[in-house]
């Protein structure tokens, strides 16, 4: 799915992108446990769509990033990968992401959560 989106990003219309974003986001966070293969693939689809529709991707993923609640591992991973792949598109979101993230740092007790906060 990621390859199809990447190779055809210019042909992707807004309504199809919304559906893809919603489905990938739902699959990515469906399980509270970290299931690397499945959730990483969903995160990669979001990053691929975010090349062109970063605002729509962020709109969806930010709903899963609430103050005071430790977010899913792959929500943070998606933010990081989007920031790498679409630097200028992510700049407007940095204040809200970092402002929400800073108070959460003490909540990250497991090593994999600590590392994804750093990433």
PDB file of N, CA and C in Angstrom:
ATOM      1  N   UNK A   1       0.827  -1.190   0.000  1.00  0.00           N
ATOM      2  CA  UNK A   1       0.000   0.000   0.000  1.00  0.00           C
ATOM      3  C   UNK A   1       0.873   1.257   0.000  1.00  0.00           C
ATOM      4  N   UNK A   2       1.920   1.213   0.818  1.00  0.00           N
ATOM      5  CA  UNK A   2       2.832   2.359   0.880  1.00  0.00           C
ATOM      6  C   UNK A   2       3.454   2.638  -0.484  1.00  0.00           C
ATOM      7  N   UNK A   3       3.896   1.599  -1.160  1.00  0.00           N
ATOM      8  CA  UNK A   3       4.526   1.758  -2.474  1.00  0.00           C
ATOM      9  C   UNK A   3       3.532   2.317  -3.490  1.00  0.00           C
ATOM     10  N   UNK A   4       2.319   1.833  -3.463  1.00  0.00           N
ATOM     11  CA  UNK A   4       1.290   2.317  -4.387  1.00  0.00           C
ATOM     12  C   UNK A   4       1.035   3.803  -4.148  1.00  0.00           C
ATOM     13  N   UNK A   5       0.933   4.196  -2.877  1.00  0.00           N
ATOM     14  CA  UNK A   5       0.692   5.606  -2.553  1.00  0.00           C
ATOM     15  C   UNK A   5       1.875   6.458  -2.999  1.00  0.00           C
ATOM     16  N   UNK A   6       3.082   6.023  -2.663  1.00  0.00           N
ATOM     17  CA  UNK A   6       4.280   6.797  -3.041  1.00  0.00           C
ATOM     18  C   UNK A   6       4.393   6.970  -4.557  1.00  0.00           C
ATOM     19  N   UNK A   7       4.140   5.895  -5.285  1.00  0.00           N
ATOM     20  CA  UNK A   7       4.296   5.937  -6.737  1.00  0.00           C
ATOM     21  C   UNK A   7       3.188   6.723  -7.430  1.00  0.00           C
ATOM     22  N   UNK A   8       2.057   6.904  -6.753  1.00  0.00           N
ATOM     23  CA  UNK A   8       0.913   7.574  -7.377  1.00  0.00           C
ATOM     24  C   UNK A   8       0.410   8.757  -6.562  1.00  0.00           C
ATOM     25  N   UNK A   9       1.281   9.371  -5.787  1.00  0.00           N
ATOM     26  CA  UNK A   9       0.861  10.451  -4.893  1.00  0.00           C
ATOM     27  C   UNK A   9       0.249  11.624  -5.652  1.00  0.00           C
ATOM     28  N   UNK A  10       0.720  11.894  -6.848  1.00  0.00           N
ATOM     29  CA  UNK A  10       0.176  13.007  -7.629  1.00  0.00           C
ATOM     30  C   UNK A  10      -1.227  12.715  -8.155  1.00  0.00           C
ATOM     31  N   UNK A  11      -1.577  11.450  -8.260  1.00  0.00           N
ATOM     32  CA  UNK A  11      -2.901  11.067  -8.751  1.00  0.00           C
ATOM     33  C   UNK A  11      -3.926  10.910  -7.639  1.00  0.00           C
ATOM     34  N   UNK A  12      -3.462  10.935  -6.397  1.00  0.00           N
ATOM     35  CA  UNK A  12      -4.337  10.726  -5.240  1.00  0.00           C
ATOM     36  C   UNK A  12      -5.178  11.975  -4.987  1.00  0.00           C
ATOM     37  N   UNK A  13      -6.507  11.817  -4.996  1.00  0.00           N
ATOM     38  CA  UNK A  13      -7.358  12.974  -4.719  1.00  0.00           C
ATOM     39  C   UNK A  13      -7.637  13.070  -3.215  1.00  0.00           C
ATOM     40  N   UNK A  14      -8.194  14.203  -2.809  1.00  0.00           N
ATOM     41  CA  UNK A  14      -8.383  14.487  -1.389  1.00  0.00           C
ATOM     42  C   UNK A  14      -9.311  13.489  -0.706  1.00  0.00           C
ATOM     43  N   UNK A  15     -10.380  13.096  -1.353  1.00  0.00           N
ATOM     44  CA  UNK A  15     -11.331  12.184  -0.718  1.00  0.00           C
ATOM     45  C   UNK A  15     -10.726  10.785  -0.531  1.00  0.00           C
ATOM     46  N   UNK A  16      -9.977  10.320  -1.508  1.00  0.00           N
ATOM     47  CA  UNK A  16      -9.314   9.023  -1.379  1.00  0.00           C
ATOM     48  C   UNK A  16      -8.238   9.098  -0.296  1.00  0.00           C
ATOM     49  N   UNK A  17      -7.522  10.205  -0.265  1.00  0.00           N
ATOM     50  CA  UNK A  17      -6.493  10.382   0.759  1.00  0.00           C
ATOM     51  C   UNK A  17      -7.099  10.343   2.153  1.00  0.00           C
ATOM     52  N   UNK A  18      -8.257  10.964   2.342  1.00  0.00           N
ATOM     53  CA  UNK A  18      -8.922  10.952   3.647  1.00  0.00           C
ATOM     54  C   UNK A  18      -9.256   9.536   4.087  1.00  0.00           C
ATOM     55  N   UNK A  19      -9.743   8.726   3.159  1.00  0.00           N
ATOM     56  CA  UNK A  19     -10.091   7.336   3.478  1.00  0.00           C
ATOM     57  C   UNK A  19      -8.837   6.547   3.838  1.00  0.00           C
ATOM     58  N   UNK A  20      -7.793   6.700   3.054  1.00  0.00           N
ATOM     59  CA  UNK A  20      -6.535   5.993   3.306  1.00  0.00           C
ATOM     60  C   UNK A  20      -5.965   6.412   4.662  1.00  0.00           C
ATOM     61  N   UNK A  21      -5.998   7.694   4.949  1.00  0.00           N
ATOM     62  CA  UNK A  21      -5.481   8.209   6.226  1.00  0.00           C
ATOM     63  C   UNK A  21      -6.268   7.630   7.393  1.00  0.00           C
ATOM     64  N   UNK A  22      -7.591   7.643   7.284  1.00  0.00           N
ATOM     65  CA  UNK A  22      -8.425   7.129   8.366  1.00  0.00           C
ATOM     66  C   UNK A  22      -8.170   5.645   8.599  1.00  0.00           C
ATOM     67  N   UNK A  23      -8.123   4.875   7.523  1.00  0.00           N
ATOM     68  CA  UNK A  23      -7.903   3.430   7.658  1.00  0.00           C
ATOM     69  C   UNK A  23      -6.517   3.117   8.232  1.00  0.00           C
ATOM     70  N   UNK A  24      -5.495   3.798   7.744  1.00  0.00           N
ATOM     71  CA  UNK A  24      -4.140   3.546   8.239  1.00  0.00           C
ATOM     72  C   UNK A  24      -4.012   3.949   9.705  1.00  0.00           C
ATOM     73  N   UNK A  25      -4.593   5.069  10.062  1.00  0.00           N
ATOM     74  CA  UNK A  25      -4.551   5.525  11.450  1.00  0.00           C
ATOM     75  C   UNK A  25      -5.280   4.560  12.377  1.00  0.00           C
ATOM     76  N   UNK A  26      -6.425   4.076  11.942  1.00  0.00           N
ATOM     77  CA  UNK A  26      -7.196   3.124  12.742  1.00  0.00           C
ATOM     78  C   UNK A  26      -6.431   1.824  12.936  1.00  0.00           C
ATOM     79  N   UNK A  27      -5.840   1.313  11.859  1.00  0.00           N
ATOM     80  CA  UNK A  27      -5.080   0.068  11.947  1.00  0.00           C
ATOM     81  C   UNK A  27      -3.832   0.240  12.812  1.00  0.00           C
ATOM     82  N   UNK A  28      -3.233   1.402  12.733  1.00  0.00           N
ATOM     83  CA  UNK A  28      -2.002   1.654  13.478  1.00  0.00           C
ATOM     84  C   UNK A  28      -2.244   1.661  14.983  1.00  0.00           C
ATOM     85  N   UNK A  29      -3.384   2.153  15.413  1.00  0.00           N
ATOM     86  CA  UNK A  29      -3.639   2.311  16.848  1.00  0.00           C
ATOM     87  C   UNK A  29      -4.714   1.364  17.384  1.00  0.00           C
ATOM     88  N   UNK A  30      -5.162   0.425  16.559  1.00  0.00           N
ATOM     89  CA  UNK A  30      -6.226  -0.494  16.975  1.00  0.00           C
ATOM     90  C   UNK A  30      -5.823  -1.288  18.207  1.00  0.00           C
ATOM     91  N   UNK A  31      -4.609  -1.793  18.218  1.00  0.00           N
ATOM     92  CA  UNK A  31      -4.108  -2.588  19.338  1.00  0.00           C
ATOM     93  C   UNK A  31      -3.231  -1.706  20.223  1.00  0.00           C
ATOM     94  N   UNK A  32      -3.432  -1.801  21.516  1.00  0.00           N
ATOM     95  CA  UNK A  32      -2.589  -1.043  22.452  1.00  0.00           C
ATOM     96  C   UNK A  32      -1.162  -1.587  22.459  1.00  0.00           C
ATOM     97  N   UNK A  33      -1.037  -2.876  22.187  1.00  0.00           N
ATOM     98  CA  UNK A  33       0.291  -3.489  22.123  1.00  0.00           C
ATOM     99  C   UNK A  33       0.990  -3.048  20.845  1.00  0.00           C
ATOM    100  N   UNK A  34       2.308  -3.127  20.876  1.00  0.00           N
ATOM    101  CA  UNK A  34       3.087  -2.789  19.684  1.00  0.00           C
ATOM    102  C   UNK A  34       3.256  -4.042  18.838  1.00  0.00           C
ATOM    103  N   UNK A  35       2.682  -4.016  17.639  1.00  0.00           N
ATOM    104  CA  UNK A  35       2.808  -5.115  16.672  1.00  0.00           C
ATOM    105  C   UNK A  35       3.597  -4.537  15.502  1.00  0.00           C
ATOM    106  N   UNK A  36       4.900  -4.730  15.527  1.00  0.00           N
ATOM    107  CA  UNK A  36       5.820  -4.015  14.647  1.00  0.00           C
ATOM    108  C   UNK A  36       5.444  -4.069  13.182  1.00  0.00           C
ATOM    109  N   UNK A  37       5.259  -5.251  12.631  1.00  0.00           N
ATOM    110  CA  UNK A  37       5.061  -5.377  11.191  1.00  0.00           C
ATOM    111  C   UNK A  37       3.814  -4.635  10.726  1.00  0.00           C
ATOM    112  N   UNK A  38       2.724  -4.859  11.415  1.00  0.00           N
ATOM    113  CA  UNK A  38       1.440  -4.305  10.996  1.00  0.00           C
ATOM    114  C   UNK A  38       1.377  -2.802  11.233  1.00  0.00           C
ATOM    115  N   UNK A  39       1.734  -2.375  12.433  1.00  0.00           N
ATOM    116  CA  UNK A  39       1.628  -0.961  12.779  1.00  0.00           C
ATOM    117  C   UNK A  39       2.687  -0.116  12.075  1.00  0.00           C
ATOM    118  N   UNK A  40       3.855  -0.668  11.865  1.00  0.00           N
ATOM    119  CA  UNK A  40       4.879   0.063  11.113  1.00  0.00           C
ATOM    120  C   UNK A  40       4.424   0.273   9.677  1.00  0.00           C
ATOM    121  N   UNK A  41       3.793  -0.721   9.087  1.00  0.00           N
ATOM    122  CA  UNK A  41       3.281  -0.587   7.724  1.00  0.00           C
ATOM    123  C   UNK A  41       2.212   0.506   7.657  1.00  0.00           C
ATOM    124  N   UNK A  42       1.311   0.542   8.630  1.00  0.00           N
ATOM    125  CA  UNK A  42       0.274   1.581   8.651  1.00  0.00           C
ATOM    126  C   UNK A  42       0.895   2.957   8.834  1.00  0.00           C
ATOM    127  N   UNK A  43       1.880   3.057   9.696  1.00  0.00           N
ATOM    128  CA  UNK A  43       2.581   4.325   9.897  1.00  0.00           C
ATOM    129  C   UNK A  43       3.267   4.779   8.609  1.00  0.00           C
ATOM    130  N   UNK A  44       3.885   3.841   7.903  1.00  0.00           N
ATOM    131  CA  UNK A  44       4.556   4.173   6.642  1.00  0.00           C
ATOM    132  C   UNK A  44       3.567   4.666   5.586  1.00  0.00           C
ATOM    133  N   UNK A  45       2.358   4.122   5.587  1.00  0.00           N
ATOM    134  CA  UNK A  45       1.327   4.598   4.656  1.00  0.00           C
ATOM    135  C   UNK A  45       0.968   6.043   4.998  1.00  0.00           C
ATOM    136  N   UNK A  46       0.830   6.346   6.280  1.00  0.00           N
ATOM    137  CA  UNK A  46       0.526   7.724   6.691  1.00  0.00           C
ATOM    138  C   UNK A  46       1.635   8.686   6.270  1.00  0.00           C
ATOM    139  N   UNK A  47       2.866   8.254   6.421  1.00  0.00           N
ATOM    140  CA  UNK A  47       3.998   9.097   6.018  1.00  0.00           C
ATOM    141  C   UNK A  47       3.989   9.303   4.506  1.00  0.00           C
ATOM    142  N   UNK A  48       3.675   8.271   3.761  1.00  0.00           N
ATOM    143  CA  UNK A  48       3.619   8.388   2.298  1.00  0.00           C
ATOM    144  C   UNK A  48       2.523   9.365   1.876  1.00  0.00           C
ATOM    145  N   UNK A  49       1.346   9.254   2.477  1.00  0.00           N
ATOM    146  CA  UNK A  49       0.263  10.185   2.152  1.00  0.00           C
ATOM    147  C   UNK A  49       0.631  11.592   2.616  1.00  0.00           C
ATOM    148  N   UNK A  50       1.376  11.685   3.708  1.00  0.00           N
ATOM    149  CA  UNK A  50       1.795  12.976   4.250  1.00  0.00           C
ATOM    150  C   UNK A  50       2.743  13.751   3.362  1.00  0.00           C
ATOM    151  N   UNK A  51       3.278  13.116   2.344  1.00  0.00           N
ATOM    152  CA  UNK A  51       4.116  13.841   1.387  1.00  0.00           C
ATOM    153  C   UNK A  51       3.310  14.932   0.686  1.00  0.00           C
ATOM    154  N   UNK A  52       2.030  14.677   0.480  1.00  0.00           N
ATOM    155  CA  UNK A  52       1.181  15.635  -0.219  1.00  0.00           C
ATOM    156  C   UNK A  52       0.067  16.194   0.669  1.00  0.00           C
ATOM    157  N   UNK A  53      -0.427  15.383   1.600  1.00  0.00           N
ATOM    158  CA  UNK A  53      -1.563  15.763   2.436  1.00  0.00           C
ATOM    159  C   UNK A  53      -1.180  15.779   3.913  1.00  0.00           C
ATOM    160  N   UNK A  54      -0.109  16.490   4.240  1.00  0.00           N
ATOM    161  CA  UNK A  54       0.390  16.482   5.617  1.00  0.00           C
ATOM    162  C   UNK A  54      -0.641  17.050   6.592  1.00  0.00           C
ATOM    163  N   UNK A  55      -1.397  18.057   6.181  1.00  0.00           N
ATOM    164  CA  UNK A  55      -2.398  18.637   7.085  1.00  0.00           C
ATOM    165  C   UNK A  55      -3.480  17.624   7.428  1.00  0.00           C
ATOM    166  N   UNK A  56      -3.919  16.854   6.457  1.00  0.00           N
ATOM    167  CA  UNK A  56      -4.945  15.833   6.706  1.00  0.00           C
ATOM    168  C   UNK A  56      -4.406  14.714   7.598  1.00  0.00           C
ATOM    169  N   UNK A  57      -3.162  14.306   7.348  1.00  0.00           N
ATOM    170  CA  UNK A  57      -2.552  13.263   8.176  1.00  0.00           C
ATOM    171  C   UNK A  57      -2.421  13.764   9.616  1.00  0.00           C
ATOM    172  N   UNK A  58      -1.939  14.968   9.787  1.00  0.00           N
ATOM    173  CA  UNK A  58      -1.756  15.510  11.129  1.00  0.00           C
ATOM    174  C   UNK A  58      -3.095  15.717  11.838  1.00  0.00           C
ATOM    175  N   UNK A  59      -4.092  16.132  11.101  1.00  0.00           N
ATOM    176  CA  UNK A  59      -5.428  16.296  11.679  1.00  0.00           C
ATOM    177  C   UNK A  59      -5.905  14.978  12.294  1.00  0.00           C
ATOM    178  N   UNK A  60      -5.689  13.889  11.599  1.00  0.00           N
ATOM    179  CA  UNK A  60      -6.115  12.573  12.084  1.00  0.00           C
ATOM    180  C   UNK A  60      -5.232  12.076  13.226  1.00  0.00           C
ATOM    181  N   UNK A  61      -3.925  12.169  13.065  1.00  0.00           N
ATOM    182  CA  UNK A  61      -3.018  11.603  14.062  1.00  0.00           C
ATOM    183  C   UNK A  61      -3.036  12.429  15.356  1.00  0.00           C
ATOM    184  N   UNK A  62      -3.244  13.723  15.254  1.00  0.00           N
ATOM    185  CA  UNK A  62      -3.306  14.546  16.465  1.00  0.00           C
ATOM    186  C   UNK A  62      -4.509  14.207  17.337  1.00  0.00           C
ATOM    187  N   UNK A  63      -5.551  13.597  16.762  1.00  0.00           N
ATOM    188  CA  UNK A  63      -6.684  13.174  17.586  1.00  0.00           C
ATOM    189  C   UNK A  63      -6.277  12.032  18.515  1.00  0.00           C
ATOM    190  N   UNK A  64      -5.186  11.363  18.192  1.00  0.00           N
ATOM    191  CA  UNK A  64      -4.698  10.245  19.005  1.00  0.00           C
ATOM    192  C   UNK A  64      -3.524  10.672  19.895  1.00  0.00           C
ATOM    193  N   UNK A  65      -3.331  11.970  20.006  1.00  0.00           N
ATOM    194  CA  UNK A  65      -2.223  12.552  20.763  1.00  0.00           C
ATOM    195  C   UNK A  65      -2.799  13.592  21.719  1.00  0.00           C
ATOM    196  N   UNK A  66      -3.279  13.108  22.863  1.00  0.00           N
ATOM    197  CA  UNK A  66      -3.973  13.966  23.817  1.00  0.00           C
ATOM    198  C   UNK A  66      -3.073  14.300  25.007  1.00  0.00           C
ATOM    199  N   UNK A  67      -3.158  15.526  25.521  1.00  0.00           N
ATOM    200  CA  UNK A  67      -2.345  15.905  26.687  1.00  0.00           C
ATOM    201  C   UNK A  67      -2.642  15.000  27.887  1.00  0.00           C
ATOM    202  N   UNK A  68      -1.603  14.615  28.594  1.00  0.00           N
ATOM    203  CA  UNK A  68      -1.745  13.827  29.806  1.00  0.00           C
ATOM    204  C   UNK A  68      -1.933  12.336  29.604  1.00  0.00           C
ATOM    205  N   UNK A  69      -2.055  11.892  28.367  1.00  0.00           N
ATOM    206  CA  UNK A  69      -2.234  10.463  28.070  1.00  0.00           C
ATOM    207  C   UNK A  69      -1.053  10.014  27.221  1.00  0.00           C
ATOM    208  N   UNK A  70      -0.333   9.016  27.704  1.00  0.00           N
ATOM    209  CA  UNK A  70       0.818   8.521  26.945  1.00  0.00           C
ATOM    210  C   UNK A  70       0.341   8.004  25.589  1.00  0.00           C
ATOM    211  N   UNK A  71       0.861   8.551  24.498  1.00  0.00           N
ATOM    212  CA  UNK A  71       0.371   8.151  23.170  1.00  0.00           C
ATOM    213  C   UNK A  71       0.884   6.776  22.764  1.00  0.00           C
ATOM    214  N   UNK A  72       0.268   6.243  21.745  1.00  0.00           N
ATOM    215  CA  UNK A  72       0.718   4.977  21.167  1.00  0.00           C
ATOM    216  C   UNK A  72       2.119   5.178  20.596  1.00  0.00           C
ATOM    217  N   UNK A  73       2.934   4.161  20.687  1.00  0.00           N
ATOM    218  CA  UNK A  73       4.302   4.201  20.178  1.00  0.00           C
ATOM    219  C   UNK A  73       4.349   4.702  18.737  1.00  0.00           C
ATOM    220  N   UNK A  74       3.470   4.177  17.896  1.00  0.00           N
ATOM    221  CA  UNK A  74       3.544   4.511  16.474  1.00  0.00           C
ATOM    222  C   UNK A  74       2.971   5.883  16.138  1.00  0.00           C
ATOM    223  N   UNK A  75       2.242   6.502  17.042  1.00  0.00           N
ATOM    224  CA  UNK A  75       1.847   7.899  16.830  1.00  0.00           C
ATOM    225  C   UNK A  75       3.107   8.761  16.855  1.00  0.00           C
ATOM    226  N   UNK A  76       3.946   8.533  17.850  1.00  0.00           N
ATOM    227  CA  UNK A  76       5.199   9.283  17.941  1.00  0.00           C
ATOM    228  C   UNK A  76       6.135   8.943  16.786  1.00  0.00           C
ATOM    229  N   UNK A  77       6.191   7.678  16.422  1.00  0.00           N
ATOM    230  CA  UNK A  77       7.031   7.244  15.302  1.00  0.00           C
ATOM    231  C   UNK A  77       6.574   7.905  14.000  1.00  0.00           C
ATOM    232  N   UNK A  78       5.270   8.022  13.822  1.00  0.00           N
ATOM    233  CA  UNK A  78       4.726   8.670  12.623  1.00  0.00           C
ATOM    234  C   UNK A  78       5.092  10.146  12.593  1.00  0.00           C
ATOM    235  N   UNK A  79       4.971  10.825  13.742  1.00  0.00           N
ATOM    236  CA  UNK A  79       5.386  12.233  13.807  1.00  0.00           C
ATOM    237  C   UNK A  79       6.843  12.385  13.388  1.00  0.00           C
ATOM    238  N   UNK A  80       7.694  11.525  13.923  1.00  0.00           N
ATOM    239  CA  UNK A  80       9.121  11.615  13.624  1.00  0.00           C
ATOM    240  C   UNK A  80       9.404  11.380  12.144  1.00  0.00           C
ATOM    241  N   UNK A  81       8.805  10.354  11.582  1.00  0.00           N
ATOM    242  CA  UNK A  81       9.042  10.049  10.168  1.00  0.00           C
ATOM    243  C   UNK A  81       8.458  11.110   9.248  1.00  0.00           C
ATOM    244  N   UNK A  82       7.318  11.685   9.630  1.00  0.00           N
ATOM    245  CA  UNK A  82       6.756  12.787   8.840  1.00  0.00           C
ATOM    246  C   UNK A  82       7.678  14.007   8.879  1.00  0.00           C
ATOM    247  N   UNK A  83       8.255  14.267  10.054  1.00  0.00           N
ATOM    248  CA  UNK A  83       9.166  15.410  10.177  1.00  0.00           C
ATOM    249  C   UNK A  83      10.400  15.234   9.303  1.00  0.00           C
ATOM    250  N   UNK A  84      10.851  13.998   9.144  1.00  0.00           N
ATOM    251  CA  UNK A  84      12.009  13.723   8.293  1.00  0.00           C
ATOM    252  C   UNK A  84      11.633  13.830   6.818  1.00  0.00           C
ATOM    253  N   UNK A  85      10.460  13.302   6.458  1.00  0.00           N
ATOM    254  CA  UNK A  85      10.101  13.232   5.040  1.00  0.00           C
ATOM    255  C   UNK A  85       9.455  14.509   4.505  1.00  0.00           C
ATOM    256  N   UNK A  86       8.851  15.316   5.373  1.00  0.00           N
ATOM    257  CA  UNK A  86       8.188  16.543   4.935  1.00  0.00           C
ATOM    258  C   UNK A  86       8.470  17.638   5.958  1.00  0.00           C
ATOM    259  N   UNK A  87       9.704  18.109   5.964  1.00  0.00           N
ATOM    260  CA  UNK A  87      10.172  19.056   6.975  1.00  0.00           C
ATOM    261  C   UNK A  87       9.305  20.310   7.007  1.00  0.00           C
ATOM    262  N   UNK A  88       9.140  20.954   5.872  1.00  0.00           N
ATOM    263  CA  UNK A  88       8.415  22.220   5.844  1.00  0.00           C
ATOM    264  C   UNK A  88       6.939  22.047   6.171  1.00  0.00           C
ATOM    265  N   UNK A  89       6.370  20.905   5.827  1.00  0.00           N
ATOM    266  CA  UNK A  89       4.974  20.649   6.147  1.00  0.00           C
ATOM    267  C   UNK A  89       4.732  20.442   7.626  1.00  0.00           C
ATOM    268  N   UNK A  90       5.745  19.993   8.348  1.00  0.00           N
ATOM    269  CA  UNK A  90       5.600  19.715   9.781  1.00  0.00           C
ATOM    270  C   UNK A  90       5.899  20.914  10.674  1.00  0.00           C
ATOM    271  N   UNK A  91       6.586  21.906  10.155  1.00  0.00           N
ATOM    272  CA  UNK A  91       6.971  23.064  10.979  1.00  0.00           C
ATOM    273  C   UNK A  91       5.774  23.702  11.689  1.00  0.00           C
ATOM    274  N   UNK A  92       4.629  23.920  11.025  1.00  0.00           N
ATOM    275  CA  UNK A  92       3.503  24.550  11.738  1.00  0.00           C
ATOM    276  C   UNK A  92       2.966  23.735  12.914  1.00  0.00           C
ATOM    277  N   UNK A  93       3.265  22.454  12.964  1.00  0.00           N
ATOM    278  CA  UNK A  93       2.747  21.588  14.016  1.00  0.00           C
ATOM    279  C   UNK A  93       3.718  21.416  15.186  1.00  0.00           C
ATOM    280  N   UNK A  94       4.933  21.915  15.048  1.00  0.00           N
ATOM    281  CA  UNK A  94       5.953  21.666  16.062  1.00  0.00           C
ATOM    282  C   UNK A  94       5.581  22.217  17.432  1.00  0.00           C
ATOM    283  N   UNK A  95       5.037  23.428  17.504  1.00  0.00           N
ATOM    284  CA  UNK A  95       4.686  24.001  18.804  1.00  0.00           C
ATOM    285  C   UNK A  95       3.670  23.143  19.540  1.00  0.00           C
ATOM    286  N   UNK A  96       2.629  22.718  18.850  1.00  0.00           N
ATOM    287  CA  UNK A  96       1.600  21.922  19.530  1.00  0.00           C
ATOM    288  C   UNK A  96       2.122  20.544  19.902  1.00  0.00           C
ATOM    289  N   UNK A  97       2.919  19.928  19.029  1.00  0.00           N
ATOM    290  CA  UNK A  97       3.462  18.601  19.332  1.00  0.00           C
ATOM    291  C   UNK A  97       4.420  18.676  20.516  1.00  0.00           C
ATOM    292  N   UNK A  98       5.367  19.581  20.446  1.00  0.00           N
ATOM    293  CA  UNK A  98       6.363  19.667  21.522  1.00  0.00           C
ATOM    294  C   UNK A  98       5.744  20.153  22.824  1.00  0.00           C
ATOM    295  N   UNK A  99       4.779  21.061  22.739  1.00  0.00           N
ATOM    296  CA  UNK A  99       4.100  21.539  23.939  1.00  0.00           C
ATOM    297  C   UNK A  99       3.307  20.444  24.633  1.00  0.00           C
ATOM    298  N   UNK A 100       2.724  19.566  23.869  1.00  0.00           N
ATOM    299  CA  UNK A 100       1.971  18.448  24.436  1.00  0.00           C
ATOM    300  C   UNK A 100       2.923  17.355  24.917  1.00  0.00           C
ATOM    301  N   UNK A 101       4.020  17.174  24.206  1.00  0.00           N
ATOM    302  CA  UNK A 101       4.946  16.096  24.496  1.00  0.00           C
ATOM    303  C   UNK A 101       5.781  16.342  25.751  1.00  0.00           C
ATOM    304  N   UNK A 102       6.185  17.568  25.982  1.00  0.00           N
ATOM    305  CA  UNK A 102       7.086  17.874  27.089  1.00  0.00           C
ATOM    306  C   UNK A 102       6.567  17.371  28.439  1.00  0.00           C
ATOM    307  N   UNK A 103       5.320  17.641  28.816  1.00  0.00           N
ATOM    308  CA  UNK A 103       4.837  17.116  30.105  1.00  0.00           C
ATOM    309  C   UNK A 103       4.722  15.588  30.152  1.00  0.00           C
ATOM    310  N   UNK A 104       4.702  14.939  29.006  1.00  0.00           N
ATOM    311  CA  UNK A 104       4.569  13.482  28.956  1.00  0.00           C
ATOM    312  C   UNK A 104       5.885  12.746  29.161  1.00  0.00           C
ATOM    313  N   UNK A 105       6.993  13.440  29.062  1.00  0.00           N
ATOM    314  CA  UNK A 105       8.287  12.761  29.096  1.00  0.00           C
ATOM    315  C   UNK A 105       8.468  11.912  30.353  1.00  0.00           C
ATOM    316  N   UNK A 106       7.992  12.392  31.483  1.00  0.00           N
ATOM    317  CA  UNK A 106       8.125  11.636  32.720  1.00  0.00           C
ATOM    318  C   UNK A 106       7.255  10.395  32.762  1.00  0.00           C
ATOM    319  N   UNK A 107       6.251  10.322  31.911  1.00  0.00           N
ATOM    320  CA  UNK A 107       5.344   9.170  31.874  1.00  0.00           C
ATOM    321  C   UNK A 107       5.939   7.988  31.113  1.00  0.00           C
ATOM    322  N   UNK A 108       6.952   8.249  30.321  1.00  0.00           N
ATOM    323  CA  UNK A 108       7.572   7.190  29.507  1.00  0.00           C
ATOM    324  C   UNK A 108       8.502   6.367  30.392  1.00  0.00           C
ATOM    325  N   UNK A 109       8.045   5.207  30.804  1.00  0.00           N
ATOM    326  CA  UNK A 109       8.816   4.349  31.713  1.00  0.00           C
ATOM    327  C   UNK A 109       9.518   3.204  30.973  1.00  0.00           C
ATOM    328  N   UNK A 110       8.919   2.723  29.892  1.00  0.00           N
ATOM    329  CA  UNK A 110       9.498   1.604  29.161  1.00  0.00           C
ATOM    330  C   UNK A 110      10.563   2.118  28.190  1.00  0.00           C
ATOM    331  N   UNK A 111      11.561   1.290  27.955  1.00  0.00           N
ATOM    332  CA  UNK A 111      12.682   1.701  27.104  1.00  0.00           C
ATOM    333  C   UNK A 111      12.240   2.033  25.689  1.00  0.00           C
ATOM    334  N   UNK A 112      11.315   1.244  25.124  1.00  0.00           N
ATOM    335  CA  UNK A 112      10.906   1.526  23.747  1.00  0.00           C
ATOM    336  C   UNK A 112      10.160   2.867  23.658  1.00  0.00           C
ATOM    337  N   UNK A 113       9.444   3.251  24.703  1.00  0.00           N
ATOM    338  CA  UNK A 113       8.769   4.558  24.689  1.00  0.00           C
ATOM    339  C   UNK A 113       9.774   5.687  24.858  1.00  0.00           C
ATOM    340  N   UNK A 114      10.758   5.482  25.701  1.00  0.00           N
ATOM    341  CA  UNK A 114      11.812   6.497  25.879  1.00  0.00           C
ATOM    342  C   UNK A 114      12.529   6.739  24.550  1.00  0.00           C
ATOM    343  N   UNK A 115      12.825   5.653  23.856  1.00  0.00           N
ATOM    344  CA  UNK A 115      13.577   5.801  22.604  1.00  0.00           C
ATOM    345  C   UNK A 115      12.734   6.492  21.521  1.00  0.00           C
ATOM    346  N   UNK A 116      11.434   6.214  21.454  1.00  0.00           N
ATOM    347  CA  UNK A 116      10.621   6.852  20.423  1.00  0.00           C
ATOM    348  C   UNK A 116      10.396   8.327  20.750  1.00  0.00           C
ATOM    349  N   UNK A 117      10.349   8.700  22.023  1.00  0.00           N
ATOM    350  CA  UNK A 117      10.281  10.116  22.381  1.00  0.00           C
ATOM    351  C   UNK A 117      11.543  10.818  21.909  1.00  0.00           C
ATOM    352  N   UNK A 118      12.689  10.171  22.063  1.00  0.00           N
ATOM    353  CA  UNK A 118      13.947  10.766  21.596  1.00  0.00           C
ATOM    354  C   UNK A 118      13.978  10.886  20.074  1.00  0.00           C
ATOM    355  N   UNK A 119      13.454   9.878  19.404  1.00  0.00           N
ATOM    356  CA  UNK A 119      13.476   9.879  17.944  1.00  0.00           C
ATOM    357  C   UNK A 119      12.597  10.988  17.420  1.00  0.00           C
TER     358      UNK A 119
END
